[in-house]
Amino acid sequence: MKHLLGIEDLDPVGIDALLDRAESFAEVSKRDIKKVPALRGRTVVTLFYEASTRTSSSFELAAKRLSADVVSVKASGSSVEKGESLKDTVETLSAYDPAAIVIRHPQAGAAQMLTDWVDAAVVNAGDGMHQHPSQALLDLFALRQRIGSVEGKKIWIVGDVLHSRVARSNIQAFSMMGAEVTIAGPPTLIPRGIEATGCKVHYSLDGIEEADVVYLLRMQRERMEESFVPSIREYARLFQVNARRLNPRQLVMHPGPVNRGIEIGGDVIDSDRSLISDQVASGLAVRMAILFELLARGGDSREMDQAPVPIGEPA
């Protein structure tokens, strides 16, 4: 695996192997000294053209836990605000000889373009409404930690699927690992032809009681140039998932940021059925595993062995 641009860069064997790596790195976080020397002397650039808290901070911390040097660039406050193009920004950063560039960009395909301009490994941290592969991988890891394999499980993804790169990556990842995926939301927020991906489509929450996992998405109003629902209040009335709509066995996930009282009730967020905090914690271990596989191990993820990574002594 040279780059991680989308879930299609992996197969089920590669995903399982990467999650095994994440298991070993989760153990590192329990040590007094939480660093390993795997990427000592390497440089990782994080380049974020969109706001981010969870993804940017966990990639930066993951690189530092692996002993890499980190250069973090946000569009706000950088030369991007002065009109510098993506290509020129990347060429400037290439002077630091980065081993990897982690990029989030509002345009679909931006991460793919970078692969033509740099020798570094490229990690897609979200490109427009296209893909967010590390989010799907950390979601699988959080579920693995709680329920084991998702094979045969029923997962409902509810909300603004149209504008969600998380939904697109998760539909692929969950289906690839054997889950039965259903998406639900207003017709205006369901992409045309999404059934071709193999998922089922509902335009209401009827039948949600059959789900093992309910994955909620926020309304991405920053990507909306027109009104897609009559009102937020009406959307919440029809599609908010709260304790009254769930049974005790069902688990709830959300990629964040969460809009309490809109797509999800506070009674669910603060309950033991919520995996939201588990997802955040999983992000660090999974992103350590991604950087390790790209930069330290190398090779084709489809041929990875299943042995735990030898993480050596703390740095």
C-alpha atoms as a PDB file:
ATOM      1  CA  MET A   1       0.000   0.000   0.000  1.00  0.00           C
ATOM      2  CA  LYS A   2       1.674   3.189  -1.222  1.00  0.00           C
ATOM      3  CA  HIS A   3      -1.188   5.565  -0.346  1.00  0.00           C
ATOM      4  CA  LEU A   4      -4.513   5.452   1.496  1.00  0.00           C
ATOM      5  CA  LEU A   5      -6.968   7.386  -0.662  1.00  0.00           C
ATOM      6  CA  GLY A   6     -10.122   5.343  -0.157  1.00  0.00           C
ATOM      7  CA  ILE A   7     -11.446   2.097   1.269  1.00  0.00           C
ATOM      8  CA  GLU A   8     -10.995   0.521  -2.170  1.00  0.00           C
ATOM      9  CA  ASP A   9      -7.229   0.597  -1.516  1.00  0.00           C
ATOM     10  CA  LEU A  10      -7.800  -2.265   0.942  1.00  0.00           C
ATOM     11  CA  ASP A  11      -9.529  -5.621   0.965  1.00  0.00           C
ATOM     12  CA  PRO A  12     -10.945  -7.583   3.953  1.00  0.00           C
ATOM     13  CA  VAL A  13      -7.590  -9.248   4.662  1.00  0.00           C
ATOM     14  CA  GLY A  14      -5.805  -5.895   4.556  1.00  0.00           C
ATOM     15  CA  ILE A  15      -8.392  -4.289   6.824  1.00  0.00           C
ATOM     16  CA  ASP A  16      -8.155  -7.089   9.376  1.00  0.00           C
ATOM     17  CA  ALA A  17      -4.366  -6.873   9.345  1.00  0.00           C
ATOM     18  CA  LEU A  18      -4.414  -3.107   9.812  1.00  0.00           C
ATOM     19  CA  LEU A  19      -6.846  -3.432  12.724  1.00  0.00           C
ATOM     20  CA  ASP A  20      -4.546  -6.050  14.256  1.00  0.00           C
ATOM     21  CA  ARG A  21      -1.772  -3.439  14.083  1.00  0.00           C
ATOM     22  CA  ALA A  22      -4.079  -0.951  15.763  1.00  0.00           C
ATOM     23  CA  GLU A  23      -4.648  -3.446  18.590  1.00  0.00           C
ATOM     24  CA  SER A  24      -0.914  -3.511  19.279  1.00  0.00           C
ATOM     25  CA  PHE A  25      -0.671   0.279  19.197  1.00  0.00           C
ATOM     26  CA  ALA A  26      -3.629   0.610  21.565  1.00  0.00           C
ATOM     27  CA  GLU A  27      -1.417  -1.164  24.096  1.00  0.00           C
ATOM     28  CA  VAL A  28       1.240   1.534  23.654  1.00  0.00           C
ATOM     29  CA  SER A  29      -1.236   4.136  24.911  1.00  0.00           C
ATOM     30  CA  LYS A  30      -1.446   2.285  28.219  1.00  0.00           C
ATOM     31  CA  ARG A  31       2.289   2.630  28.881  1.00  0.00           C
ATOM     32  CA  ASP A  32       3.874   5.275  31.047  1.00  0.00           C
ATOM     33  CA  ILE A  33       6.033   6.203  28.045  1.00  0.00           C
ATOM     34  CA  LYS A  34       3.668   6.228  25.092  1.00  0.00           C
ATOM     35  CA  LYS A  35       6.148   6.571  22.210  1.00  0.00           C
ATOM     36  CA  VAL A  36       7.800   3.985  19.978  1.00  0.00           C
ATOM     37  CA  PRO A  37      10.708   4.688  17.587  1.00  0.00           C
ATOM     38  CA  ALA A  38       9.105   3.282  14.424  1.00  0.00           C
ATOM     39  CA  LEU A  39       9.214   6.565  12.445  1.00  0.00           C
ATOM     40  CA  ARG A  40      12.172   8.265  14.087  1.00  0.00           C
ATOM     41  CA  GLY A  41      13.819  10.607  11.593  1.00  0.00           C
ATOM     42  CA  ARG A  42      10.778  10.730   9.283  1.00  0.00           C
ATOM     43  CA  THR A  43       8.595  13.791   8.700  1.00  0.00           C
ATOM     44  CA  VAL A  44       4.805  13.746   8.479  1.00  0.00           C
ATOM     45  CA  VAL A  45       2.963  16.798   7.109  1.00  0.00           C
ATOM     46  CA  THR A  46      -0.691  17.368   7.977  1.00  0.00           C
ATOM     47  CA  LEU A  47      -2.369  19.736   5.523  1.00  0.00           C
ATOM     48  CA  PHE A  48      -5.935  20.703   6.430  1.00  0.00           C
ATOM     49  CA  TYR A  49      -7.983  22.984   4.173  1.00  0.00           C
ATOM     50  CA  GLU A  50     -11.126  22.372   6.241  1.00  0.00           C
ATOM     51  CA  ALA A  51     -11.842  22.641   9.948  1.00  0.00           C
ATOM     52  CA  SER A  52     -11.029  19.554  11.960  1.00  0.00           C
ATOM     53  CA  THR A  53     -10.586  18.651  15.605  1.00  0.00           C
ATOM     54  CA  ARG A  54     -10.620  14.867  15.882  1.00  0.00           C
ATOM     55  CA  THR A  55      -8.928  13.899  12.630  1.00  0.00           C
ATOM     56  CA  SER A  56      -6.169  16.504  12.641  1.00  0.00           C
ATOM     57  CA  SER A  57      -5.283  16.091  16.320  1.00  0.00           C
ATOM     58  CA  SER A  58      -5.263  12.295  16.194  1.00  0.00           C
ATOM     59  CA  PHE A  59      -3.084  12.147  13.056  1.00  0.00           C
ATOM     60  CA  GLU A  60      -0.635  14.613  14.612  1.00  0.00           C
ATOM     61  CA  LEU A  61      -0.531  12.702  17.880  1.00  0.00           C
ATOM     62  CA  ALA A  62      -0.257   9.371  16.030  1.00  0.00           C
ATOM     63  CA  ALA A  63       2.805  10.607  14.144  1.00  0.00           C
ATOM     64  CA  LYS A  64       4.385  11.915  17.341  1.00  0.00           C
ATOM     65  CA  ARG A  65       3.695   8.634  19.192  1.00  0.00           C
ATOM     66  CA  LEU A  66       5.627   6.926  16.374  1.00  0.00           C
ATOM     67  CA  SER A  67       8.499   9.416  16.951  1.00  0.00           C
ATOM     68  CA  ALA A  68       8.053  11.251  13.625  1.00  0.00           C
ATOM     69  CA  ASP A  69       8.615  14.970  13.186  1.00  0.00           C
ATOM     70  CA  VAL A  70       5.332  16.713  12.421  1.00  0.00           C
ATOM     71  CA  VAL A  71       4.624  19.814  10.327  1.00  0.00           C
ATOM     72  CA  SER A  72       1.014  20.956  10.697  1.00  0.00           C
ATOM     73  CA  VAL A  73      -0.484  23.391   8.188  1.00  0.00           C
ATOM     74  CA  LYS A  74      -3.995  24.819   8.360  1.00  0.00           C
ATOM     75  CA  ALA A  75      -5.434  26.832   5.488  1.00  0.00           C
ATOM     76  CA  SER A  76      -6.413  29.569   7.927  1.00  0.00           C
ATOM     77  CA  GLY A  77      -3.349  31.623   8.759  1.00  0.00           C
ATOM     78  CA  SER A  78      -1.183  30.141   6.001  1.00  0.00           C
ATOM     79  CA  SER A  79      -0.243  31.261   2.488  1.00  0.00           C
ATOM     80  CA  VAL A  80      -3.409  29.551   1.265  1.00  0.00           C
ATOM     81  CA  GLU A  81      -5.315  32.589   2.522  1.00  0.00           C
ATOM     82  CA  LYS A  82      -3.157  34.693   0.210  1.00  0.00           C
ATOM     83  CA  GLY A  83      -4.217  32.682  -2.823  1.00  0.00           C
ATOM     84  CA  GLU A  84      -1.469  30.076  -3.032  1.00  0.00           C
ATOM     85  CA  SER A  85      -2.576  27.025  -5.014  1.00  0.00           C
ATOM     86  CA  LEU A  86      -2.607  23.514  -3.618  1.00  0.00           C
ATOM     87  CA  LYS A  87       0.196  22.494  -5.960  1.00  0.00           C
ATOM     88  CA  ASP A  88       2.415  25.398  -4.929  1.00  0.00           C
ATOM     89  CA  THR A  89       1.731  24.763  -1.243  1.00  0.00           C
ATOM     90  CA  VAL A  90       2.658  21.111  -1.646  1.00  0.00           C
ATOM     91  CA  GLU A  91       5.820  21.960  -3.570  1.00  0.00           C
ATOM     92  CA  THR A  92       6.843  24.282  -0.724  1.00  0.00           C
ATOM     93  CA  LEU A  93       6.214  21.588   1.872  1.00  0.00           C
ATOM     94  CA  SER A  94       8.129  19.058  -0.220  1.00  0.00           C
ATOM     95  CA  ALA A  95      11.286  20.968   0.669  1.00  0.00           C
ATOM     96  CA  TYR A  96      10.992  19.351   4.110  1.00  0.00           C
ATOM     97  CA  ASP A  97      11.239  15.904   2.462  1.00  0.00           C
ATOM     98  CA  PRO A  98       8.077  14.523   4.057  1.00  0.00           C
ATOM     99  CA  ALA A  99       7.598  10.780   4.223  1.00  0.00           C
ATOM    100  CA  ALA A 100       3.814  11.248   4.315  1.00  0.00           C
ATOM    101  CA  ILE A 101       1.288  14.000   3.698  1.00  0.00           C
ATOM    102  CA  VAL A 102      -2.100  13.768   5.394  1.00  0.00           C
ATOM    103  CA  ILE A 103      -4.562  16.021   3.568  1.00  0.00           C
ATOM    104  CA  ARG A 104      -8.123  17.193   4.060  1.00  0.00           C
ATOM    105  CA  HIS A 105      -9.562  19.268   1.216  1.00  0.00           C
ATOM    106  CA  PRO A 106     -13.035  20.455   0.173  1.00  0.00           C
ATOM    107  CA  GLN A 107     -12.591  19.151  -3.383  1.00  0.00           C
ATOM    108  CA  ALA A 108     -13.121  15.480  -4.202  1.00  0.00           C
ATOM    109  CA  GLY A 109      -9.989  14.013  -5.768  1.00  0.00           C
ATOM    110  CA  ALA A 110      -7.535  16.416  -4.121  1.00  0.00           C
ATOM    111  CA  ALA A 111      -5.678  13.605  -2.356  1.00  0.00           C
ATOM    112  CA  GLN A 112      -5.410  11.684  -5.620  1.00  0.00           C
ATOM    113  CA  MET A 113      -3.890  14.747  -7.317  1.00  0.00           C
ATOM    114  CA  LEU A 114      -1.183  14.929  -4.665  1.00  0.00           C
ATOM    115  CA  THR A 115       0.080  11.484  -5.620  1.00  0.00           C
ATOM    116  CA  ASP A 116       1.136  12.916  -8.999  1.00  0.00           C
ATOM    117  CA  TRP A 117       3.079  15.774  -7.413  1.00  0.00           C
ATOM    118  CA  VAL A 118       4.971  14.206  -4.507  1.00  0.00           C
ATOM    119  CA  ASP A 119       7.025  11.135  -3.703  1.00  0.00           C
ATOM    120  CA  ALA A 120       5.547  10.995  -0.196  1.00  0.00           C
ATOM    121  CA  ALA A 121       2.803   8.614   0.850  1.00  0.00           C
ATOM    122  CA  VAL A 122      -0.565  10.398   0.761  1.00  0.00           C
ATOM    123  CA  VAL A 123      -3.323   9.806   3.296  1.00  0.00           C
ATOM    124  CA  ASN A 124      -6.780  11.101   2.474  1.00  0.00           C
ATOM    125  CA  ALA A 125      -8.231  12.667   5.636  1.00  0.00           C
ATOM    126  CA  GLY A 126     -11.397  13.665   3.784  1.00  0.00           C
ATOM    127  CA  ASP A 127     -11.868  15.023   0.264  1.00  0.00           C
ATOM    128  CA  GLY A 128     -15.112  16.825  -0.412  1.00  0.00           C
ATOM    129  CA  MET A 129     -18.072  14.455  -0.406  1.00  0.00           C
ATOM    130  CA  HIS A 130     -15.919  11.581  -1.641  1.00  0.00           C
ATOM    131  CA  GLN A 131     -14.026   9.504   0.954  1.00  0.00           C
ATOM    132  CA  HIS A 132     -12.778   9.488   4.560  1.00  0.00           C
ATOM    133  CA  PRO A 133     -11.109   6.075   4.847  1.00  0.00           C
ATOM    134  CA  SER A 134      -9.448   6.451   8.250  1.00  0.00           C
ATOM    135  CA  GLN A 135     -12.849   7.250   9.807  1.00  0.00           C
ATOM    136  CA  ALA A 136     -14.323   4.024   8.426  1.00  0.00           C
ATOM    137  CA  LEU A 137     -11.351   2.042   9.713  1.00  0.00           C
ATOM    138  CA  LEU A 138     -11.555   3.498  13.207  1.00  0.00           C
ATOM    139  CA  ASP A 139     -15.301   2.806  13.237  1.00  0.00           C
ATOM    140  CA  LEU A 140     -14.614  -0.836  12.408  1.00  0.00           C
ATOM    141  CA  PHE A 141     -11.996  -0.912  15.158  1.00  0.00           C
ATOM    142  CA  ALA A 142     -14.397   0.554  17.738  1.00  0.00           C
ATOM    143  CA  LEU A 143     -16.998  -2.053  16.791  1.00  0.00           C
ATOM    144  CA  ARG A 144     -14.414  -4.831  16.913  1.00  0.00           C
ATOM    145  CA  GLN A 145     -13.518  -3.757  20.462  1.00  0.00           C
ATOM    146  CA  ARG A 146     -17.169  -3.855  21.554  1.00  0.00           C
ATOM    147  CA  ILE A 147     -18.831  -6.653  19.560  1.00  0.00           C
ATOM    148  CA  GLY A 148     -16.097  -8.388  17.554  1.00  0.00           C
ATOM    149  CA  SER A 149     -16.694  -9.004  13.861  1.00  0.00           C
ATOM    150  CA  VAL A 150     -19.395  -7.023  12.049  1.00  0.00           C
ATOM    151  CA  GLU A 151     -20.075  -9.957   9.724  1.00  0.00           C
ATOM    152  CA  GLY A 152     -23.809 -10.583   9.644  1.00  0.00           C
ATOM    153  CA  LYS A 153     -24.601  -7.464  11.697  1.00  0.00           C
ATOM    154  CA  LYS A 154     -27.242  -4.995  10.576  1.00  0.00           C
ATOM    155  CA  ILE A 155     -25.960  -1.412  10.479  1.00  0.00           C
ATOM    156  CA  TRP A 156     -28.213   1.557   9.760  1.00  0.00           C
ATOM    157  CA  ILE A 157     -26.615   4.845   8.633  1.00  0.00           C
ATOM    158  CA  VAL A 158     -29.095   7.652   9.286  1.00  0.00           C
ATOM    159  CA  GLY A 159     -29.076  11.286   8.223  1.00  0.00           C
ATOM    160  CA  ASP A 160     -27.406  13.455   5.613  1.00  0.00           C
ATOM    161  CA  VAL A 161     -25.920  10.723   3.452  1.00  0.00           C
ATOM    162  CA  LEU A 162     -25.841  12.957   0.354  1.00  0.00           C
ATOM    163  CA  HIS A 163     -23.119  15.263   1.678  1.00  0.00           C
ATOM    164  CA  SER A 164     -21.257  12.704   3.796  1.00  0.00           C
ATOM    165  CA  ARG A 165     -17.859  11.300   2.820  1.00  0.00           C
ATOM    166  CA  VAL A 166     -18.021   9.278   6.052  1.00  0.00           C
ATOM    167  CA  ALA A 167     -21.157   7.533   4.810  1.00  0.00           C
ATOM    168  CA  ARG A 168     -19.548   6.631   1.490  1.00  0.00           C
ATOM    169  CA  SER A 169     -16.460   5.141   3.132  1.00  0.00           C
ATOM    170  CA  ASN A 170     -18.480   3.331   5.792  1.00  0.00           C
ATOM    171  CA  ILE A 171     -20.948   1.802   3.349  1.00  0.00           C
ATOM    172  CA  GLN A 172     -17.955   0.312   1.522  1.00  0.00           C
ATOM    173  CA  ALA A 173     -16.087  -0.769   4.637  1.00  0.00           C
ATOM    174  CA  PHE A 174     -19.034  -2.245   6.526  1.00  0.00           C
ATOM    175  CA  SER A 175     -20.256  -4.104   3.424  1.00  0.00           C
ATOM    176  CA  MET A 176     -16.744  -5.363   2.646  1.00  0.00           C
ATOM    177  CA  MET A 177     -16.514  -6.845   6.140  1.00  0.00           C
ATOM    178  CA  GLY A 178     -19.835  -8.664   5.813  1.00  0.00           C
ATOM    179  CA  ALA A 179     -22.355  -6.321   7.437  1.00  0.00           C
ATOM    180  CA  GLU A 180     -25.818  -5.640   6.038  1.00  0.00           C
ATOM    181  CA  VAL A 181     -26.019  -1.870   5.512  1.00  0.00           C
ATOM    182  CA  THR A 182     -29.185   0.223   5.380  1.00  0.00           C
ATOM    183  CA  ILE A 183     -29.231   3.984   4.880  1.00  0.00           C
ATOM    184  CA  ALA A 184     -32.123   6.149   6.008  1.00  0.00           C
ATOM    185  CA  GLY A 185     -33.016   9.798   5.642  1.00  0.00           C
ATOM    186  CA  PRO A 186     -35.208  12.247   3.740  1.00  0.00           C
ATOM    187  CA  PRO A 187     -35.300  11.537  -0.012  1.00  0.00           C
ATOM    188  CA  THR A 188     -33.528  14.857  -0.639  1.00  0.00           C
ATOM    189  CA  LEU A 189     -30.536  13.677   1.428  1.00  0.00           C
ATOM    190  CA  ILE A 190     -30.157  10.232  -0.143  1.00  0.00           C
ATOM    191  CA  PRO A 191     -27.866  10.090  -3.224  1.00  0.00           C
ATOM    192  CA  ARG A 192     -29.453   8.823  -6.410  1.00  0.00           C
ATOM    193  CA  GLY A 193     -28.407   5.317  -7.307  1.00  0.00           C
ATOM    194  CA  ILE A 194     -26.870   4.601  -3.900  1.00  0.00           C
ATOM    195  CA  GLU A 195     -28.508   1.168  -3.998  1.00  0.00           C
ATOM    196  CA  ALA A 196     -25.827   0.169  -6.518  1.00  0.00           C
ATOM    197  CA  THR A 197     -23.379  -0.013  -3.610  1.00  0.00           C
ATOM    198  CA  GLY A 198     -25.375  -2.910  -2.174  1.00  0.00           C
ATOM    199  CA  CYS A 199     -27.074  -1.068   0.675  1.00  0.00           C
ATOM    200  CA  LYS A 200     -30.795  -0.862   1.374  1.00  0.00           C
ATOM    201  CA  VAL A 201     -32.584   2.509   1.408  1.00  0.00           C
ATOM    202  CA  HIS A 202     -35.334   3.717   3.760  1.00  0.00           C
ATOM    203  CA  TYR A 203     -36.960   7.134   3.755  1.00  0.00           C
ATOM    204  CA  SER A 204     -38.126   6.874   7.359  1.00  0.00           C
ATOM    205  CA  LEU A 205     -37.001   5.216  10.581  1.00  0.00           C
ATOM    206  CA  ASP A 206     -39.559   2.440  10.220  1.00  0.00           C
ATOM    207  CA  GLY A 207     -37.731  -0.822  10.874  1.00  0.00           C
ATOM    208  CA  ILE A 208     -34.808   0.722  12.750  1.00  0.00           C
ATOM    209  CA  GLU A 209     -35.511  -1.642  15.632  1.00  0.00           C
ATOM    210  CA  GLU A 210     -33.893  -4.423  13.565  1.00  0.00           C
ATOM    211  CA  ALA A 211     -30.494  -2.673  13.552  1.00  0.00           C
ATOM    212  CA  ASP A 212     -27.624  -3.876  15.695  1.00  0.00           C
ATOM    213  CA  VAL A 213     -25.804  -0.560  15.190  1.00  0.00           C
ATOM    214  CA  VAL A 214     -27.282   2.856  14.368  1.00  0.00           C
ATOM    215  CA  TYR A 215     -24.731   5.240  12.836  1.00  0.00           C
ATOM    216  CA  LEU A 216     -25.870   8.857  12.875  1.00  0.00           C
ATOM    217  CA  LEU A 217     -24.773  11.698  10.607  1.00  0.00           C
ATOM    218  CA  ARG A 218     -25.170  15.419  11.177  1.00  0.00           C
ATOM    219  CA  MET A 219     -26.761  17.796   8.724  1.00  0.00           C
ATOM    220  CA  GLN A 220     -23.786  19.254   6.817  1.00  0.00           C
ATOM    221  CA  ARG A 221     -25.227  22.711   6.346  1.00  0.00           C
ATOM    222  CA  GLU A 222     -21.836  24.101   5.311  1.00  0.00           C
ATOM    223  CA  ARG A 223     -22.114  22.025   2.109  1.00  0.00           C
ATOM    224  CA  MET A 224     -25.725  22.986   1.389  1.00  0.00           C
ATOM    225  CA  GLU A 225     -26.491  25.772  -1.058  1.00  0.00           C
ATOM    226  CA  GLU A 226     -30.247  25.230  -0.869  1.00  0.00           C
ATOM    227  CA  SER A 227     -32.840  23.913   1.550  1.00  0.00           C
ATOM    228  CA  PHE A 228     -32.972  20.118   1.679  1.00  0.00           C
ATOM    229  CA  VAL A 229     -35.540  19.803   4.499  1.00  0.00           C
ATOM    230  CA  PRO A 230     -38.522  21.986   5.470  1.00  0.00           C
ATOM    231  CA  SER A 231     -36.868  22.894   8.783  1.00  0.00           C
ATOM    232  CA  ILE A 232     -34.367  21.553  11.298  1.00  0.00           C
ATOM    233  CA  ARG A 233     -37.227  21.080  13.764  1.00  0.00           C
ATOM    234  CA  GLU A 234     -39.121  18.948  11.259  1.00  0.00           C
ATOM    235  CA  TYR A 235     -35.996  16.925  10.492  1.00  0.00           C
ATOM    236  CA  ALA A 236     -35.427  16.278  14.199  1.00  0.00           C
ATOM    237  CA  ARG A 237     -39.051  15.205  14.648  1.00  0.00           C
ATOM    238  CA  LEU A 238     -38.791  12.600  11.908  1.00  0.00           C
ATOM    239  CA  PHE A 239     -35.173  11.441  12.082  1.00  0.00           C
ATOM    240  CA  GLN A 240     -33.719  12.222  15.499  1.00  0.00           C
ATOM    241  CA  VAL A 241     -32.608   9.022  17.216  1.00  0.00           C
ATOM    242  CA  ASN A 242     -33.276   9.128  20.950  1.00  0.00           C
ATOM    243  CA  ALA A 243     -33.819   6.588  23.711  1.00  0.00           C
ATOM    244  CA  ARG A 244     -37.507   6.198  22.814  1.00  0.00           C
ATOM    245  CA  ARG A 245     -36.589   4.950  19.348  1.00  0.00           C
ATOM    246  CA  LEU A 246     -34.001   2.401  20.461  1.00  0.00           C
ATOM    247  CA  ASN A 247     -34.007  -0.830  22.377  1.00  0.00           C
ATOM    248  CA  PRO A 248     -31.367  -1.689  25.004  1.00  0.00           C
ATOM    249  CA  ARG A 249     -29.298  -3.966  22.754  1.00  0.00           C
ATOM    250  CA  GLN A 250     -28.676  -1.372  20.039  1.00  0.00           C
ATOM    251  CA  LEU A 251     -25.399   0.527  19.800  1.00  0.00           C
ATOM    252  CA  VAL A 252     -25.101   4.094  18.510  1.00  0.00           C
ATOM    253  CA  MET A 253     -22.195   5.724  16.649  1.00  0.00           C
ATOM    254  CA  HIS A 254     -21.502   9.223  15.341  1.00  0.00           C
ATOM    255  CA  PRO A 255     -18.364  10.581  13.611  1.00  0.00           C
ATOM    256  CA  GLY A 256     -18.693  14.024  15.250  1.00  0.00           C
ATOM    257  CA  PRO A 257     -19.141  16.838  15.659  1.00  0.00           C
ATOM    258  CA  VAL A 258     -22.467  16.035  17.292  1.00  0.00           C
ATOM    259  CA  ASN A 259     -25.488  18.313  17.133  1.00  0.00           C
ATOM    260  CA  ARG A 260     -27.386  17.422  20.308  1.00  0.00           C
ATOM    261  CA  GLY A 261     -31.111  17.563  19.917  1.00  0.00           C
ATOM    262  CA  ILE A 262     -31.056  17.415  16.125  1.00  0.00           C
ATOM    263  CA  GLU A 263     -29.853  14.070  14.760  1.00  0.00           C
ATOM    264  CA  ILE A 264     -29.292  12.545  18.203  1.00  0.00           C
ATOM    265  CA  GLY A 265     -30.823  12.945  21.638  1.00  0.00           C
ATOM    266  CA  GLY A 266     -28.685  13.771  24.644  1.00  0.00           C
ATOM    267  CA  ASP A 267     -30.135  10.737  26.422  1.00  0.00           C
ATOM    268  CA  VAL A 268     -28.391   8.538  23.821  1.00  0.00           C
ATOM    269  CA  ILE A 269     -25.064  10.407  23.727  1.00  0.00           C
ATOM    270  CA  ASP A 270     -24.609  10.024  27.476  1.00  0.00           C
ATOM    271  CA  SER A 271     -25.742   6.398  27.683  1.00  0.00           C
ATOM    272  CA  ASP A 272     -23.686   3.217  27.769  1.00  0.00           C
ATOM    273  CA  ARG A 273     -25.003   2.255  24.332  1.00  0.00           C
ATOM    274  CA  SER A 274     -23.033   5.132  22.775  1.00  0.00           C
ATOM    275  CA  LEU A 275     -19.686   4.332  21.107  1.00  0.00           C
ATOM    276  CA  ILE A 276     -18.884   7.978  20.353  1.00  0.00           C
ATOM    277  CA  SER A 277     -16.062   8.206  22.914  1.00  0.00           C
ATOM    278  CA  ASP A 278     -14.788   4.793  21.795  1.00  0.00           C
ATOM    279  CA  GLN A 279     -14.578   6.097  18.235  1.00  0.00           C
ATOM    280  CA  VAL A 280     -12.443   9.053  19.302  1.00  0.00           C
ATOM    281  CA  ALA A 281     -10.107   6.786  21.296  1.00  0.00           C
ATOM    282  CA  SER A 282      -9.904   4.329  18.397  1.00  0.00           C
ATOM    283  CA  GLY A 283      -8.783   7.076  16.028  1.00  0.00           C
ATOM    284  CA  LEU A 284      -5.335   7.347  17.575  1.00  0.00           C
ATOM    285  CA  ALA A 285      -4.485   3.637  17.434  1.00  0.00           C
ATOM    286  CA  VAL A 286      -5.869   3.222  13.915  1.00  0.00           C
ATOM    287  CA  ARG A 287      -4.034   6.262  12.558  1.00  0.00           C
ATOM    288  CA  MET A 288      -0.815   5.033  14.144  1.00  0.00           C
ATOM    289  CA  ALA A 289      -1.384   1.750  12.317  1.00  0.00           C
ATOM    290  CA  ILE A 290      -2.022   3.550   9.008  1.00  0.00           C
ATOM    291  CA  LEU A 291       1.181   5.589   9.230  1.00  0.00           C
ATOM    292  CA  PHE A 292       3.168   2.545  10.303  1.00  0.00           C
ATOM    293  CA  GLU A 293       1.923   0.409   7.417  1.00  0.00           C
ATOM    294  CA  LEU A 294       2.642   3.141   4.880  1.00  0.00           C
ATOM    295  CA  LEU A 295       6.045   4.226   6.151  1.00  0.00           C
ATOM    296  CA  ALA A 296       7.630   1.580   8.357  1.00  0.00           C
ATOM    297  CA  ARG A 297       6.344  -1.723   7.105  1.00  0.00           C
ATOM    298  CA  GLY A 298       5.658  -0.884   3.466  1.00  0.00           C
ATOM    299  CA  GLY A 299       4.608  -3.489   0.955  1.00  0.00           C
ATOM    300  CA  ASP A 300       1.174  -4.486  -0.279  1.00  0.00           C
ATOM    301  CA  SER A 301      -1.501  -4.529   2.429  1.00  0.00           C
ATOM    302  CA  ARG A 302      -3.179  -7.410   0.625  1.00  0.00           C
ATOM    303  CA  GLU A 303      -0.237  -9.606   1.548  1.00  0.00           C
ATOM    304  CA  MET A 304       0.279  -8.485   5.147  1.00  0.00           C
ATOM    305  CA  ASP A 305       0.901 -11.232   7.632  1.00  0.00           C
ATOM    306  CA  GLN A 306      -1.242 -11.375  10.740  1.00  0.00           C
ATOM    307  CA  ALA A 307       1.519 -11.237  13.357  1.00  0.00           C
ATOM    308  CA  PRO A 308       1.480  -8.329  15.834  1.00  0.00           C
ATOM    309  CA  VAL A 309       3.834  -5.534  14.923  1.00  0.00           C
ATOM    310  CA  PRO A 310       7.158  -5.645  16.793  1.00  0.00           C
ATOM    311  CA  ILE A 311       7.023  -2.243  18.433  1.00  0.00           C
ATOM    312  CA  GLY A 312      10.316  -2.509  20.282  1.00  0.00           C
ATOM    313  CA  GLU A 313      11.338  -0.465  23.277  1.00  0.00           C
ATOM    314  CA  PRO A 314       9.930   2.980  24.082  1.00  0.00           C
ATOM    315  CA  ALA A 315      11.748   5.855  22.401  1.00  0.00           C
END
